[in-house]
Amino acid sequence: MPWTRDQMAARAARELQDGFYVNLGIGIPTLVANHIPPGVEVTLQSENGMLGIGPFPYEGEEDADLINAGKQTVSELPQTSFFSSADSFAMIRGGHIDLAVLGAMEISEGGDIANWMIPGKMVKGMGGAMDLVAGVKKIIVVMDLAAKDGSPKFIPACTLPLTGKNVVDMIVTEYAVFQRPDHASAFRLIELAPGVTAEEVAAKVTARYEVAL
C-alpha cells in the first residue's frame, strides 16, 4: 500500500542527521518535525526569523505571536532565538542551513523544481522557496507522485514557473523514493512503499530514472 502523509514525512526524517539545521516547508514537510529519529538533535529554522522551533502547541495554548513561515502557530524552546527575516535569509543564502524539506507541484528529471505558483490561480507569494533551493546544502522534496487530476508530477521538464534549476537531491512520494548522488547524475529509484511494484511507479512517472533496488 502507498505510504500515508505521516509515513512519507517519517521517511524524509530518516535523512536528518545529528546537529543539522533544518528548514521545513508548508504542508507535508511540517510533519517531519514529529518524526525526528531518537538520539538525533536538529534545530528547526524558519524564514520569518526563528531558530529552534518547538512542537505545535495544544489547543488553547497557542500564542498568535509565535508562528512559522507558513503562519502556523508553533512553540518556543529554552534555546530558541528570534531575529529579523533579513538575518534569517542571510543564514539561508550563506549556506548555513544543512537541509530543507519542501513540497512541489513538479520536479523534472534534471532536478528542477516548480513549487510556488500555477498561472491563473491566486499566488500568495514566492516566500523563501527560491532562496532555500539556491542556498541550502541538501533539498528533499516530499510530494504525491501524481496531481489530483492524475497527471504525473515527476516529468521530463517542468511546465510551471521554476523555483530553481538542478537543485533537488531526493524525492519522497507515497509510492517510492528517488535519489541521486550528485547534481550531474540521474535520479535512481531506491525504495518502494510496501506492496508497491516498480511497474506501478513507472506507470505514474514520465521522467527518466534508473532503478537501484
Protein backbone atom coordinates (compact mmCIF):
# COMPACT_ATOMS: atom_id res chain seq x y z
CA MET A 1 0.00 0.00 0.00
CA PRO A 2 1.19 3.55 -0.64
CA TRP A 3 2.56 5.43 2.35
CA THR A 4 0.37 7.91 4.22
CA ARG A 5 1.38 11.54 4.59
CA ASP A 6 2.81 10.75 8.03
CA GLN A 7 4.78 7.81 6.67
CA MET A 8 6.17 10.00 3.88
CA ALA A 9 7.27 12.54 6.47
CA ALA A 10 8.81 9.79 8.59
CA ARG A 11 10.79 8.54 5.58
CA ALA A 12 12.12 12.03 4.92
CA ALA A 13 13.01 12.38 8.61
CA ARG A 14 15.36 9.41 8.27
CA GLU A 15 17.65 11.73 6.32
CA LEU A 16 18.12 14.04 9.32
CA GLN A 17 21.49 13.94 11.00
CA ASP A 18 22.50 14.99 14.49
CA GLY A 19 23.39 18.67 14.63
CA PHE A 20 21.61 19.60 11.40
CA TYR A 21 19.94 22.97 10.92
CA VAL A 22 16.73 22.23 9.02
CA ASN A 23 14.04 24.25 7.25
CA LEU A 24 10.64 22.62 6.74
CA GLY A 25 8.28 23.81 4.02
CA ILE A 26 4.50 24.14 4.16
CA GLY A 27 2.28 21.03 4.01
CA ILE A 28 3.60 17.50 4.45
CA PRO A 29 7.13 18.76 5.24
CA THR A 30 5.92 20.27 8.52
CA LEU A 31 5.08 16.73 9.68
CA VAL A 32 8.78 15.83 9.57
CA ALA A 33 9.15 17.56 12.94
CA ASN A 34 7.01 14.79 14.50
CA HIS A 35 9.34 12.03 13.28
CA ILE A 36 12.83 13.12 14.26
CA PRO A 37 14.73 9.87 14.98
CA PRO A 38 15.65 9.09 18.61
CA GLY A 39 19.07 10.39 19.54
CA VAL A 40 19.10 12.90 16.69
CA GLU A 41 19.01 16.56 17.66
CA VAL A 42 18.18 19.07 14.94
CA THR A 43 17.45 22.79 15.04
CA LEU A 44 14.47 23.94 13.00
CA GLN A 45 14.78 27.30 11.26
CA SER A 46 12.00 29.48 9.85
CA GLU A 47 12.36 32.23 7.24
CA ASN A 48 10.42 34.72 9.34
CA GLY A 49 13.20 34.81 11.96
CA MET A 50 13.06 31.89 14.35
CA LEU A 51 15.77 29.35 15.14
CA GLY A 52 14.84 26.46 17.39
CA ILE A 53 11.15 25.89 16.67
CA GLY A 54 9.27 23.87 19.25
CA PRO A 55 6.34 21.47 18.71
CA PHE A 56 2.90 22.58 17.64
CA PRO A 57 1.00 23.85 20.72
CA TYR A 58 -2.02 22.10 22.17
CA GLU A 59 -5.40 23.68 21.53
CA GLY A 60 -5.90 26.62 23.86
CA GLU A 61 -2.16 27.12 24.37
CA GLU A 62 -1.47 28.90 21.08
CA ASP A 63 0.40 32.21 21.05
CA ALA A 64 -0.59 34.23 17.98
CA ASP A 65 2.82 35.95 18.04
CA LEU A 66 4.66 32.65 17.62
CA ILE A 67 4.22 31.46 14.03
CA ASN A 68 6.33 29.74 11.42
CA ALA A 69 6.73 30.90 7.82
CA GLY A 70 3.50 29.08 6.92
CA LYS A 71 1.64 31.15 9.54
CA GLN A 72 1.03 28.08 11.72
CA THR A 73 1.26 28.63 15.47
CA VAL A 74 4.31 26.97 16.98
CA SER A 75 6.00 26.93 20.37
CA GLU A 76 9.39 28.09 21.58
CA LEU A 77 12.14 26.17 23.34
CA PRO A 78 14.58 27.35 26.04
CA GLN A 79 17.24 27.74 23.34
CA THR A 80 15.02 29.46 20.74
CA SER A 81 16.43 32.58 19.10
CA PHE A 82 14.46 35.35 17.41
CA PHE A 83 15.80 37.78 14.81
CA SER A 84 14.83 39.70 11.69
CA SER A 85 13.83 37.98 8.47
CA ALA A 86 16.86 39.64 6.88
CA ASP A 87 19.15 37.74 9.26
CA SER A 88 17.16 34.58 8.61
CA PHE A 89 17.67 34.87 4.86
CA ALA A 90 21.35 35.62 5.43
CA MET A 91 21.59 32.20 7.11
CA ILE A 92 19.91 30.57 4.13
CA ARG A 93 21.81 32.46 1.43
CA GLY A 94 25.07 31.99 3.29
CA GLY A 95 24.79 28.20 3.15
CA HIS A 96 24.30 27.73 6.91
CA ILE A 97 21.19 25.53 6.63
CA ASP A 98 22.01 21.85 6.11
CA LEU A 99 18.70 20.53 4.81
CA ALA A 100 15.36 21.78 3.53
CA VAL A 101 12.27 19.61 3.09
CA LEU A 102 9.85 21.14 0.60
CA GLY A 103 6.68 20.32 -1.29
CA ALA A 104 6.43 20.63 -5.07
CA MET A 105 3.98 20.79 -7.94
CA GLU A 106 6.50 19.45 -10.46
CA ILE A 107 10.02 18.01 -10.45
CA SER A 108 11.99 17.45 -13.65
CA GLU A 109 14.32 14.54 -14.32
CA GLY A 110 17.16 17.07 -14.18
CA GLY A 111 16.29 18.15 -10.63
CA ASP A 112 14.42 21.36 -11.49
CA ILE A 113 11.61 22.26 -9.09
CA ALA A 114 8.37 24.21 -9.59
CA ASN A 115 6.57 24.80 -6.31
CA TRP A 116 5.41 28.38 -5.98
CA MET A 117 2.66 29.19 -8.46
CA ILE A 118 0.17 27.92 -11.02
CA PRO A 119 -0.50 30.61 -13.65
CA GLY A 120 -4.07 31.90 -13.43
CA LYS A 121 -4.53 30.88 -9.81
CA MET A 122 -4.11 33.05 -6.72
CA VAL A 123 -0.47 33.42 -5.72
CA LYS A 124 0.35 34.29 -2.12
CA GLY A 125 3.98 34.95 -3.00
CA MET A 126 7.28 33.22 -3.59
CA GLY A 127 8.05 33.04 0.11
CA GLY A 128 11.51 31.67 0.83
CA ALA A 129 11.43 28.83 -1.67
CA MET A 130 13.76 30.38 -4.26
CA ASP A 131 16.35 31.24 -1.62
CA LEU A 132 16.07 27.84 0.04
CA VAL A 133 16.70 25.82 -3.11
CA ALA A 134 19.65 28.07 -4.00
CA GLY A 135 21.29 28.31 -0.58
CA VAL A 136 20.60 25.11 1.36
CA LYS A 137 23.08 22.23 1.14
CA LYS A 138 20.55 19.44 0.52
CA ILE A 139 16.99 19.62 -0.85
CA ILE A 140 14.43 16.86 -0.22
CA VAL A 141 11.02 17.11 -1.87
CA VAL A 142 8.04 15.33 -0.30
CA MET A 143 5.08 15.19 -2.66
CA ASP A 144 2.39 12.98 -4.18
CA LEU A 145 3.61 11.17 -7.28
CA ALA A 146 0.64 12.45 -9.31
CA ALA A 147 -1.51 15.58 -9.28
CA LYS A 148 -5.18 15.50 -8.29
CA ASP A 149 -6.16 15.01 -11.94
CA GLY A 150 -3.81 12.02 -12.21
CA SER A 151 -1.15 13.77 -14.28
CA PRO A 152 2.49 12.95 -13.42
CA LYS A 153 4.49 15.36 -11.26
CA PHE A 154 7.92 13.78 -11.84
CA ILE A 155 8.33 14.65 -15.50
CA PRO A 156 10.99 15.23 -18.20
CA ALA A 157 10.78 19.04 -17.96
CA CYS A 158 8.72 21.33 -15.72
CA THR A 159 5.83 23.17 -17.35
CA LEU A 160 5.17 25.55 -14.43
CA PRO A 161 7.32 28.58 -13.48
CA LEU A 162 10.55 27.31 -11.93
CA THR A 163 11.66 27.86 -8.36
CA GLY A 164 15.15 26.54 -9.07
CA LYS A 165 17.16 24.58 -11.62
CA ASN A 166 19.04 21.35 -10.89
CA VAL A 167 18.66 21.64 -7.11
CA VAL A 168 16.69 18.60 -5.89
CA ASP A 169 18.62 15.74 -4.25
CA MET A 170 15.83 13.37 -3.14
CA ILE A 171 12.13 12.88 -3.88
CA VAL A 172 9.90 11.10 -1.36
CA THR A 173 6.45 10.13 -2.65
CA GLU A 174 3.68 7.89 -1.38
CA TYR A 175 4.81 5.14 -3.75
CA ALA A 176 8.59 5.37 -3.87
CA VAL A 177 11.80 7.25 -3.09
CA PHE A 178 14.14 8.64 -5.76
CA GLN A 179 17.64 9.90 -5.02
CA ARG A 180 20.74 10.99 -6.90
CA PRO A 181 24.30 11.10 -5.56
CA ASP A 182 25.10 14.46 -7.15
CA HIS A 183 23.60 17.06 -9.47
CA ALA A 184 25.34 15.61 -12.53
CA SER A 185 23.70 12.19 -12.08
CA ALA A 186 20.28 10.79 -12.90
CA PHE A 187 17.72 10.07 -10.21
CA ARG A 188 17.57 6.47 -9.05
CA LEU A 189 14.58 4.58 -7.71
CA ILE A 190 16.00 3.38 -4.38
CA GLU A 191 12.96 2.35 -2.33
CA LEU A 192 9.34 1.25 -2.79
CA ALA A 193 6.47 1.55 -0.33
CA PRO A 194 5.33 -1.86 0.98
CA GLY A 195 3.36 -3.76 -1.66
CA VAL A 196 4.17 -1.27 -4.42
CA THR A 197 5.90 -2.57 -7.56
CA ALA A 198 8.42 -0.83 -9.76
CA GLU A 199 5.95 -1.24 -12.63
CA GLU A 200 3.30 0.73 -10.73
CA VAL A 201 5.76 3.56 -10.20
CA ALA A 202 6.85 3.55 -13.85
CA ALA A 203 3.22 3.92 -14.91
CA LYS A 204 2.93 7.17 -12.91
CA VAL A 205 6.24 8.77 -13.94
CA THR A 206 7.29 10.21 -17.30
CA ALA A 207 10.76 11.33 -16.18
CA ARG A 208 13.74 9.12 -16.97
CA TYR A 209 15.35 7.48 -13.95
CA GLU A 210 17.49 4.50 -13.07
CA VAL A 211 16.39 1.59 -10.90
CA ALA A 212 18.66 0.73 -7.97
CA LEU A 213 16.62 -1.72 -5.91
